[in-house]
């Protein structure tokens, strides 16, 4: 009982400290936490966006002069809440990858800014940005057919050690959609299979990643069919019993493991015979005409409500054709996503200043939008605290950003990480050889 009480007290102190930390951030930094974007290159971080900002410490920004008003203006970096790495951001050797991820953090720390989290897709099979660099990671279907859950846990644990060693905080994985005739073509080996297989092997993946300090993200809720959302808008229809068995139950089991994130699908979803709880009829009506990634019904009523999920909610890429070609251009999608309860807006673009300005305008003029954005910002920063991107200062009883490291210290830490990477990769390769002989 005493330990539980101490835990609750620490949680309350950290929540209050987090509120205080958020207030210390500029509005530029706070609103930027809502975005996860792509970045340039694969060798050293190349920063691309600056914003005008007033009354900023000269050491933190470039200074310029605004001739129209005679006011000194500072040019401050615009850093998103997170960066997503695609294949062209991944060098062919681990040393260069680790140096690149370190350069992102070094830039943020050197400019006394909040660090972004770094993420990628490492599902396994053909959807694996580290394919050819890290140890082999087969697709989900192969794993569920050839490995026990214990063996799968070991494989995902070794993969997590490699991800962490290379500098990644979060993996947009595992895919936990139950395979059926309607989605088989699109998933193409990315599913573990039946509802029971999804629950068992999805659990192994989530626990393996998060035990090894890599945040896991379930995807895609509440599902897809064989229409690729990169090209068109998927339209899903479930019988109620099928929906309960193959969607709600697997996600409920996996959400109970407290994965760091759930990624929403860009699909219109209809459940035959589904009735909204009293007072939520409007959300259900809207859900029939709104992609799940932008829908209060799917995010607030179902994911947060019925499944009691309390982690981060990610949109899928808002520049996919499923949205852009069906009445949801980026500016409309950003507003709808935040109001619906999305915390992290995923973008394949490398610039987001226009979307940031839209959010700023809505934040200043719309009380409901401001409340939703503030809730999302706190969730993102709570995640960063849990992930070690932010730190709890026990002596000062406050939350602090990490400080820059000296070159020697940074090089030694990276060398130690790369040793762990090579060791885990070797074990990874040996274990798969053994499984392949069976």
Protein backbone atom coordinates (compact mmCIF):
# COMPACT_ATOMS: atom_id res chain seq x y z
CA UNK A 1 0.00 0.00 0.00
CA UNK A 2 2.81 2.40 0.87
CA UNK A 3 4.49 1.73 -2.47
CA UNK A 4 1.22 2.33 -4.34
CA UNK A 5 0.66 5.57 -2.47
CA UNK A 6 4.21 6.74 -3.23
CA UNK A 7 3.68 5.86 -6.88
CA UNK A 8 0.46 7.89 -7.06
CA UNK A 9 2.13 10.85 -5.35
CA UNK A 10 5.04 10.76 -7.81
CA UNK A 11 2.60 10.55 -10.72
CA UNK A 12 0.70 13.59 -9.41
CA UNK A 13 3.94 15.54 -8.96
CA UNK A 14 5.08 14.67 -12.47
CA UNK A 15 1.70 15.66 -13.95
CA UNK A 16 1.90 19.07 -12.24
CA UNK A 17 5.53 19.42 -13.33
CA UNK A 18 4.56 18.52 -16.89
CA UNK A 19 1.94 21.31 -16.88
CA UNK A 20 4.62 23.70 -15.71
CA UNK A 21 7.07 22.49 -18.35
CA UNK A 22 4.47 22.96 -21.10
CA UNK A 23 3.89 26.55 -19.99
CA UNK A 24 7.63 27.20 -20.25
CA UNK A 25 7.63 26.27 -23.94
CA UNK A 26 6.96 28.79 -26.67
CA UNK A 27 3.73 28.35 -28.61
CA UNK A 28 5.93 27.49 -31.60
CA UNK A 29 7.32 24.45 -29.77
CA UNK A 30 4.04 23.43 -28.17
CA UNK A 31 2.02 23.29 -31.38
CA UNK A 32 4.88 21.61 -33.24
CA UNK A 33 4.45 18.59 -30.93
CA UNK A 34 1.31 17.68 -32.89
CA UNK A 35 3.25 16.78 -36.05
CA UNK A 36 5.40 13.85 -37.15
CA UNK A 37 7.11 14.59 -40.47
CA UNK A 38 9.83 13.24 -42.75
CA UNK A 39 13.36 14.68 -42.92
CA UNK A 40 16.16 15.27 -45.42
CA UNK A 41 19.10 13.01 -46.15
CA UNK A 42 20.72 10.02 -44.48
CA UNK A 43 24.06 11.36 -43.17
CA UNK A 44 23.68 14.47 -41.03
CA UNK A 45 20.59 16.36 -39.95
CA UNK A 46 19.81 19.17 -42.37
CA UNK A 47 17.38 21.65 -40.91
CA UNK A 48 14.90 23.22 -43.37
CA UNK A 49 12.41 25.51 -41.58
CA UNK A 50 12.76 28.68 -39.53
CA UNK A 51 10.04 30.89 -38.08
CA UNK A 52 9.90 34.53 -37.03
CA UNK A 53 9.71 34.81 -33.28
CA UNK A 54 10.04 37.74 -30.92
CA UNK A 55 11.80 38.06 -27.53
CA UNK A 56 13.91 34.94 -27.87
CA UNK A 57 17.34 34.50 -26.38
CA UNK A 58 19.94 35.46 -28.96
CA UNK A 59 21.86 32.23 -28.35
CA UNK A 60 18.88 30.17 -29.52
CA UNK A 61 18.13 31.76 -32.86
CA UNK A 62 19.34 33.74 -35.83
CA UNK A 63 18.60 37.44 -35.46
CA UNK A 64 17.31 39.68 -38.24
CA UNK A 65 15.66 43.11 -38.63
CA UNK A 66 12.10 43.74 -39.72
CA UNK A 67 12.28 47.01 -41.71
CA UNK A 68 8.50 47.45 -41.87
CA UNK A 69 8.04 47.78 -38.13
CA UNK A 70 11.52 48.55 -36.94
CA UNK A 71 11.32 45.60 -34.56
CA UNK A 72 14.08 43.09 -34.04
CA UNK A 73 12.92 39.61 -35.06
CA UNK A 74 14.49 36.27 -34.26
CA UNK A 75 14.54 33.31 -36.64
CA UNK A 76 13.81 30.19 -34.59
CA UNK A 77 13.97 26.55 -35.75
CA UNK A 78 10.65 24.79 -36.26
CA UNK A 79 11.14 21.25 -34.95
CA UNK A 80 8.19 18.79 -35.02
CA UNK A 81 7.17 16.45 -32.22
CA UNK A 82 8.70 13.56 -34.14
CA UNK A 83 10.47 12.55 -37.33
CA UNK A 84 9.62 9.48 -39.39
CA UNK A 85 12.47 7.86 -41.33
CA UNK A 86 11.75 6.34 -44.75
CA UNK A 87 14.04 4.02 -46.72
CA UNK A 88 15.95 6.91 -48.32
CA UNK A 89 16.81 8.18 -44.80
CA UNK A 90 18.49 4.88 -43.91
CA UNK A 91 22.18 4.55 -44.78
CA UNK A 92 23.63 1.13 -45.60
CA UNK A 93 25.82 0.85 -42.50
CA UNK A 94 24.80 1.09 -38.82
CA UNK A 95 27.57 3.57 -37.92
CA UNK A 96 26.17 6.16 -40.32
CA UNK A 97 22.58 5.58 -39.19
CA UNK A 98 23.53 6.06 -35.53
CA UNK A 99 25.49 9.20 -36.39
CA UNK A 100 22.50 10.58 -38.29
CA UNK A 101 19.99 9.98 -35.48
CA UNK A 102 22.46 11.50 -33.02
CA UNK A 103 22.78 14.59 -35.23
CA UNK A 104 19.02 15.20 -34.95
CA UNK A 105 19.20 15.15 -31.16
CA UNK A 106 22.38 17.23 -31.11
CA UNK A 107 20.70 19.95 -33.16
CA UNK A 108 17.73 20.14 -30.77
CA UNK A 109 19.93 20.14 -27.67
CA UNK A 110 22.38 22.70 -29.08
CA UNK A 111 19.47 25.04 -29.77
CA UNK A 112 17.97 24.36 -26.32
CA UNK A 113 14.85 22.88 -27.90
CA UNK A 114 12.64 19.93 -27.09
CA UNK A 115 13.93 16.80 -28.82
CA UNK A 116 11.73 15.08 -31.40
CA UNK A 117 11.14 11.36 -31.10
CA UNK A 118 12.51 9.30 -34.00
CA UNK A 119 10.42 6.56 -35.59
CA UNK A 120 10.17 4.27 -38.59
CA UNK A 121 8.26 1.30 -39.98
CA UNK A 122 10.00 -1.96 -39.09
CA UNK A 123 7.14 -4.44 -39.37
CA UNK A 124 9.12 -7.23 -41.00
CA UNK A 125 9.13 -8.69 -44.50
CA UNK A 126 8.96 -6.11 -47.27
CA UNK A 127 7.77 -3.32 -44.92
CA UNK A 128 11.01 -2.86 -43.02
CA UNK A 129 13.12 0.28 -43.41
CA UNK A 130 16.13 -1.49 -41.85
CA UNK A 131 16.04 -4.43 -44.25
CA UNK A 132 19.61 -5.26 -45.22
CA UNK A 133 21.07 -3.37 -42.24
CA UNK A 134 19.61 -5.01 -39.14
CA UNK A 135 19.20 -8.73 -38.65
CA UNK A 136 16.47 -10.45 -40.71
CA UNK A 137 12.89 -9.88 -39.58
CA UNK A 138 10.33 -12.01 -41.45
CA UNK A 139 6.78 -10.84 -42.15
CA UNK A 140 4.07 -11.44 -39.54
CA UNK A 141 2.40 -14.26 -41.44
CA UNK A 142 5.66 -16.26 -41.60
CA UNK A 143 6.30 -15.69 -37.91
CA UNK A 144 2.88 -16.92 -36.79
CA UNK A 145 3.20 -20.02 -39.00
CA UNK A 146 6.76 -20.96 -38.09
CA UNK A 147 7.55 -19.70 -34.58
CA UNK A 148 6.05 -20.17 -31.16
CA UNK A 149 5.05 -17.00 -29.32
CA UNK A 150 8.11 -17.43 -27.09
CA UNK A 151 10.38 -17.58 -30.14
CA UNK A 152 8.60 -14.59 -31.67
CA UNK A 153 9.12 -12.64 -28.45
CA UNK A 154 12.87 -13.33 -28.63
CA UNK A 155 13.03 -12.31 -32.29
CA UNK A 156 11.17 -9.02 -31.67
CA UNK A 157 13.31 -8.35 -28.59
CA UNK A 158 16.50 -8.69 -30.64
CA UNK A 159 15.02 -6.40 -33.28
CA UNK A 160 14.11 -3.85 -30.59
CA UNK A 161 17.66 -3.83 -29.21
CA UNK A 162 18.93 -3.06 -32.71
CA UNK A 163 16.37 -0.28 -33.26
CA UNK A 164 17.22 1.31 -29.93
CA UNK A 165 20.96 1.06 -30.56
CA UNK A 166 20.58 2.87 -33.88
CA UNK A 167 18.75 5.71 -32.14
CA UNK A 168 15.05 5.02 -32.74
CA UNK A 169 12.46 5.63 -30.04
CA UNK A 170 9.36 4.23 -31.68
CA UNK A 171 8.40 1.55 -34.18
CA UNK A 172 5.18 1.92 -36.18
CA UNK A 173 4.46 -1.76 -35.66
CA UNK A 174 2.95 -4.34 -35.24
CA UNK A 175 0.12 -4.64 -37.75
CA UNK A 176 -2.67 -6.29 -35.75
CA UNK A 177 -5.49 -6.52 -38.27
CA UNK A 178 -7.13 -9.92 -38.55
CA UNK A 179 -6.74 -11.28 -42.07
CA UNK A 180 -9.87 -11.95 -44.10
CA UNK A 181 -10.85 -12.22 -47.77
CA UNK A 182 -11.50 -8.49 -47.94
CA UNK A 183 -8.04 -7.33 -46.80
CA UNK A 184 -5.78 -10.21 -47.82
CA UNK A 185 -4.56 -8.57 -51.01
CA UNK A 186 -3.62 -5.31 -49.28
CA UNK A 187 -2.04 -6.83 -46.15
CA UNK A 188 -0.14 -9.43 -48.19
CA UNK A 189 1.61 -11.22 -45.31
CA UNK A 190 1.53 -8.28 -42.89
CA UNK A 191 -1.15 -9.91 -40.71
CA UNK A 192 -0.51 -12.63 -38.15
CA UNK A 193 -3.70 -14.32 -39.38
CA UNK A 194 -6.73 -15.21 -37.24
CA UNK A 195 -8.03 -13.24 -34.26
CA UNK A 196 -6.33 -15.65 -31.85
CA UNK A 197 -3.02 -15.42 -33.72
CA UNK A 198 -3.23 -11.63 -33.76
CA UNK A 199 -3.81 -11.52 -30.01
CA UNK A 200 -1.03 -14.01 -29.21
CA UNK A 201 1.68 -12.82 -31.59
CA UNK A 202 0.69 -9.16 -31.38
CA UNK A 203 1.12 -9.40 -27.60
CA UNK A 204 4.57 -10.94 -28.04
CA UNK A 205 5.60 -8.07 -30.32
CA UNK A 206 4.24 -5.26 -28.12
CA UNK A 207 5.82 -6.61 -24.92
CA UNK A 208 9.14 -7.35 -26.65
CA UNK A 209 9.50 -3.87 -28.09
CA UNK A 210 8.40 -1.95 -25.04
CA UNK A 211 10.42 -4.05 -22.61
CA UNK A 212 13.45 -3.03 -24.66
CA UNK A 213 12.59 0.70 -24.63
CA UNK A 214 11.16 0.92 -28.14
CA UNK A 215 7.60 2.23 -28.21
CA UNK A 216 5.15 0.03 -30.13
CA UNK A 217 2.26 1.32 -32.26
CA UNK A 218 -0.69 -0.92 -33.14
CA UNK A 219 -2.04 -0.47 -36.64
CA UNK A 220 -4.36 0.07 -38.37
CA UNK A 221 -7.52 0.72 -36.29
CA UNK A 222 -10.26 -0.23 -37.06
CA UNK A 223 -8.95 -1.89 -40.23
CA UNK A 224 -8.53 -1.88 -44.01
CA UNK A 225 -9.70 -3.81 -47.02
CA UNK A 226 -7.86 -4.50 -50.27
CA UNK A 227 -8.09 -0.88 -51.43
CA UNK A 228 -4.69 0.75 -50.88
CA UNK A 229 -5.29 4.07 -49.02
CA UNK A 230 -2.26 5.51 -50.82
CA UNK A 231 -4.44 5.42 -53.96
CA UNK A 232 -8.11 5.47 -52.91
CA UNK A 233 -10.54 5.48 -49.97
CA UNK A 234 -11.22 2.03 -48.47
CA UNK A 235 -14.87 1.30 -47.66
CA UNK A 236 -15.35 -1.37 -44.96
CA UNK A 237 -18.51 -3.08 -43.83
CA UNK A 238 -18.74 -5.56 -40.95
CA UNK A 239 -21.50 -7.64 -39.48
CA UNK A 240 -21.74 -6.76 -35.79
CA UNK A 241 -20.63 -10.21 -34.57
CA UNK A 242 -17.67 -10.21 -36.95
CA UNK A 243 -16.70 -6.71 -35.84
CA UNK A 244 -16.79 -7.65 -32.16
CA UNK A 245 -14.75 -10.82 -32.73
CA UNK A 246 -12.18 -9.67 -35.29
CA UNK A 247 -11.73 -5.98 -34.50
CA UNK A 248 -12.78 -4.98 -31.00
CA UNK A 249 -11.63 -8.10 -29.14
CA UNK A 250 -8.06 -8.24 -30.55
CA UNK A 251 -7.54 -4.51 -30.10
CA UNK A 252 -9.01 -4.66 -26.59
CA UNK A 253 -6.55 -7.40 -25.57
CA UNK A 254 -3.59 -5.54 -27.10
CA UNK A 255 -4.59 -2.11 -25.78
CA UNK A 256 -4.61 -3.60 -22.28
CA UNK A 257 -0.82 -4.07 -22.69
CA UNK A 258 -0.52 -0.28 -22.89
CA UNK A 259 1.24 0.10 -26.24
CA UNK A 260 2.54 3.62 -26.68
CA UNK A 261 0.46 4.27 -29.79
CA UNK A 262 -2.43 3.23 -32.01
CA UNK A 263 -2.42 4.32 -35.66
CA UNK A 264 -5.79 4.98 -37.28
CA UNK A 265 -6.75 3.84 -40.77
CA UNK A 266 -8.06 6.11 -43.55
CA UNK A 267 -11.17 3.98 -44.06
CA UNK A 268 -14.90 4.57 -44.03
CA UNK A 269 -16.22 1.87 -41.71
CA UNK A 270 -19.80 0.68 -41.31
CA UNK A 271 -20.92 -1.93 -38.79
CA UNK A 272 -24.29 -3.47 -39.55
CA UNK A 273 -26.55 -3.23 -36.53
CA UNK A 274 -24.15 -1.04 -34.53
CA UNK A 275 -25.98 1.26 -32.12
CA UNK A 276 -24.33 4.28 -30.52
CA UNK A 277 -24.60 4.71 -26.75
CA UNK A 278 -27.06 7.38 -25.67
CA UNK A 279 -25.70 10.84 -26.44
CA UNK A 280 -23.25 9.62 -29.07
CA UNK A 281 -25.65 9.25 -31.98
CA UNK A 282 -24.19 12.24 -33.82
CA UNK A 283 -20.70 10.77 -33.70
CA UNK A 284 -21.95 7.49 -35.16
CA UNK A 285 -23.82 9.33 -37.91
CA UNK A 286 -20.66 11.29 -38.72
CA UNK A 287 -18.57 8.10 -38.70
CA UNK A 288 -20.45 6.78 -41.72
CA UNK A 289 -19.25 9.79 -43.72
CA UNK A 290 -15.80 10.38 -42.21
CA UNK A 291 -12.60 8.31 -42.44
CA UNK A 292 -11.78 6.62 -39.14
CA UNK A 293 -8.59 8.69 -38.77
CA UNK A 294 -10.72 11.87 -38.61
CA UNK A 295 -13.69 10.46 -36.72
CA UNK A 296 -14.60 11.32 -33.08
CA UNK A 297 -16.68 8.15 -33.02
CA UNK A 298 -13.80 5.80 -33.79
CA UNK A 299 -11.24 7.64 -31.68
CA UNK A 300 -13.19 9.00 -28.69
CA UNK A 301 -16.20 6.71 -28.44
CA UNK A 302 -14.66 3.39 -29.45
CA UNK A 303 -10.87 3.51 -28.96
CA UNK A 304 -10.81 5.77 -25.89
CA UNK A 305 -14.24 4.77 -24.58
CA UNK A 306 -15.02 1.13 -25.24
CA UNK A 307 -11.40 -0.02 -25.36
CA UNK A 308 -10.18 2.28 -22.55
CA UNK A 309 -7.04 3.16 -24.49
CA UNK A 310 -4.99 5.98 -22.97
CA UNK A 311 -1.84 6.23 -25.12
CA UNK A 312 -1.02 8.22 -28.25
CA UNK A 313 -3.31 8.20 -31.26
CA UNK A 314 -1.61 8.60 -34.66
CA UNK A 315 -3.22 9.47 -37.94
CA UNK A 316 -1.95 7.68 -41.01
CA UNK A 317 -0.18 9.95 -43.52
CA UNK A 318 -2.61 12.81 -44.18
CA UNK A 319 -1.31 13.21 -47.75
CA UNK A 320 -2.60 9.81 -48.87
CA UNK A 321 -5.09 9.81 -51.72
CA UNK A 322 -7.71 8.27 -49.42
CA UNK A 323 -8.07 11.75 -47.90
CA UNK A 324 -6.74 14.20 -50.48
CA UNK A 325 -8.85 12.89 -53.37
CA UNK A 326 -12.03 12.49 -51.32
CA UNK A 327 -12.70 15.94 -49.93
CA UNK A 328 -10.08 15.96 -47.18
CA UNK A 329 -7.13 18.14 -48.27
CA UNK A 330 -4.41 18.55 -45.66
CA UNK A 331 -5.79 21.76 -44.13
CA UNK A 332 -9.22 20.21 -43.59
CA UNK A 333 -7.73 16.90 -42.44
CA UNK A 334 -5.49 18.56 -39.83
CA UNK A 335 -8.40 20.39 -38.22
CA UNK A 336 -10.66 17.33 -38.25
CA UNK A 337 -7.93 15.06 -36.90
CA UNK A 338 -7.16 17.25 -33.88
CA UNK A 339 -10.84 17.74 -33.03
CA UNK A 340 -11.44 13.99 -33.38
CA UNK A 341 -8.70 13.20 -30.86
CA UNK A 342 -5.60 12.48 -32.97
CA UNK A 343 -2.47 13.39 -31.01
CA UNK A 344 0.20 12.89 -33.70
CA UNK A 345 -0.49 13.97 -37.28
CA UNK A 346 1.67 11.87 -39.57
CA UNK A 347 2.99 13.59 -42.70
CA UNK A 348 5.21 12.27 -45.48
CA UNK A 349 6.26 15.85 -46.26
CA UNK A 350 9.50 17.44 -45.02
CA UNK A 351 7.95 20.83 -44.26
CA UNK A 352 4.96 21.61 -42.08
CA UNK A 353 5.02 25.36 -41.53
CA UNK A 354 1.75 25.87 -43.43
CA UNK A 355 -0.01 23.23 -41.34
CA UNK A 356 1.53 24.75 -38.20
CA UNK A 357 0.15 28.19 -39.15
CA UNK A 358 -3.30 26.70 -39.67
CA UNK A 359 -3.16 25.07 -36.24
CA UNK A 360 -2.00 28.36 -34.70
CA UNK A 361 -4.93 30.21 -36.28
CA UNK A 362 -7.43 27.64 -35.02
CA UNK A 363 -5.76 27.52 -31.61
CA UNK A 364 -6.21 31.29 -31.21
CA UNK A 365 -9.83 31.40 -32.43
CA UNK A 366 -11.56 28.14 -31.49
CA UNK A 367 -11.88 27.12 -27.82
CA UNK A 368 -12.80 23.50 -28.63
CA UNK A 369 -9.82 23.16 -30.93
CA UNK A 370 -7.52 24.71 -28.33
CA UNK A 371 -8.70 22.26 -25.66
CA UNK A 372 -8.18 19.29 -27.99
CA UNK A 373 -4.72 20.52 -29.01
CA UNK A 374 -3.68 21.09 -25.38
CA UNK A 375 -4.75 17.56 -24.48
CA UNK A 376 -2.72 16.14 -27.37
CA UNK A 377 0.35 18.21 -26.53
CA UNK A 378 0.32 16.93 -22.96
CA UNK A 379 -0.05 13.33 -24.16
CA UNK A 380 2.94 13.72 -26.49
CA UNK A 381 5.11 15.22 -23.76
CA UNK A 382 4.01 12.57 -21.27
CA UNK A 383 5.17 9.97 -23.80
CA UNK A 384 8.51 11.76 -24.15
CA UNK A 385 8.92 11.68 -20.38
CA UNK A 386 8.12 7.97 -20.23
CA UNK A 387 10.48 7.29 -23.14
CA UNK A 388 13.37 9.18 -21.55
CA UNK A 389 13.43 12.01 -24.10
CA UNK A 390 12.49 14.31 -21.23
CA UNK A 391 13.85 13.65 -17.74
CA UNK A 392 12.47 13.90 -14.20
CA UNK A 393 14.87 15.85 -11.98
CA UNK A 394 14.35 14.31 -8.54
CA UNK A 395 16.44 16.96 -6.79
CA UNK A 396 14.51 19.89 -8.27
CA UNK A 397 11.20 17.99 -8.59
CA UNK A 398 10.74 19.21 -12.14
CA UNK A 399 10.90 18.02 -15.75
CA UNK A 400 13.93 19.01 -17.80
CA UNK A 401 15.21 18.60 -21.34
CA UNK A 402 18.39 16.67 -21.94
CA UNK A 403 21.62 18.64 -22.26
CA UNK A 404 24.21 18.47 -25.02
CA UNK A 405 27.01 15.95 -24.51
CA UNK A 406 30.70 16.48 -25.11
CA UNK A 407 32.15 14.95 -28.26
CA UNK A 408 34.14 12.28 -26.39
CA UNK A 409 31.17 11.26 -24.26
CA UNK A 410 28.88 11.17 -27.30
CA UNK A 411 31.33 9.06 -29.31
CA UNK A 412 31.78 6.57 -26.47
CA UNK A 413 28.03 6.21 -25.95
CA UNK A 414 27.54 5.63 -29.68
CA UNK A 415 30.32 3.04 -29.74
CA UNK A 416 28.66 1.17 -26.87
CA UNK A 417 25.32 1.27 -28.69
CA UNK A 418 26.86 -0.10 -31.86
CA UNK A 419 28.41 -2.96 -29.88
CA UNK A 420 24.91 -3.83 -28.63
CA UNK A 421 23.60 -3.57 -32.19
CA UNK A 422 26.18 -6.00 -33.57
CA UNK A 423 25.65 -8.47 -30.73
CA UNK A 424 21.85 -8.44 -31.15
CA UNK A 425 22.15 -8.73 -34.94
CA UNK A 426 24.41 -11.75 -34.63
CA UNK A 427 22.00 -13.46 -32.22
CA UNK A 428 19.13 -12.51 -34.55
CA UNK A 429 20.84 -14.17 -37.54
CA UNK A 430 21.76 -17.30 -35.60
CA UNK A 431 18.26 -17.76 -34.19
CA UNK A 432 16.65 -17.55 -37.63
CA UNK A 433 19.09 -20.10 -39.02
CA UNK A 434 17.98 -22.45 -36.27
CA UNK A 435 14.28 -21.84 -36.95
CA UNK A 436 14.83 -22.32 -40.66
CA UNK A 437 16.20 -25.83 -40.10
CA UNK A 438 12.97 -27.05 -38.57
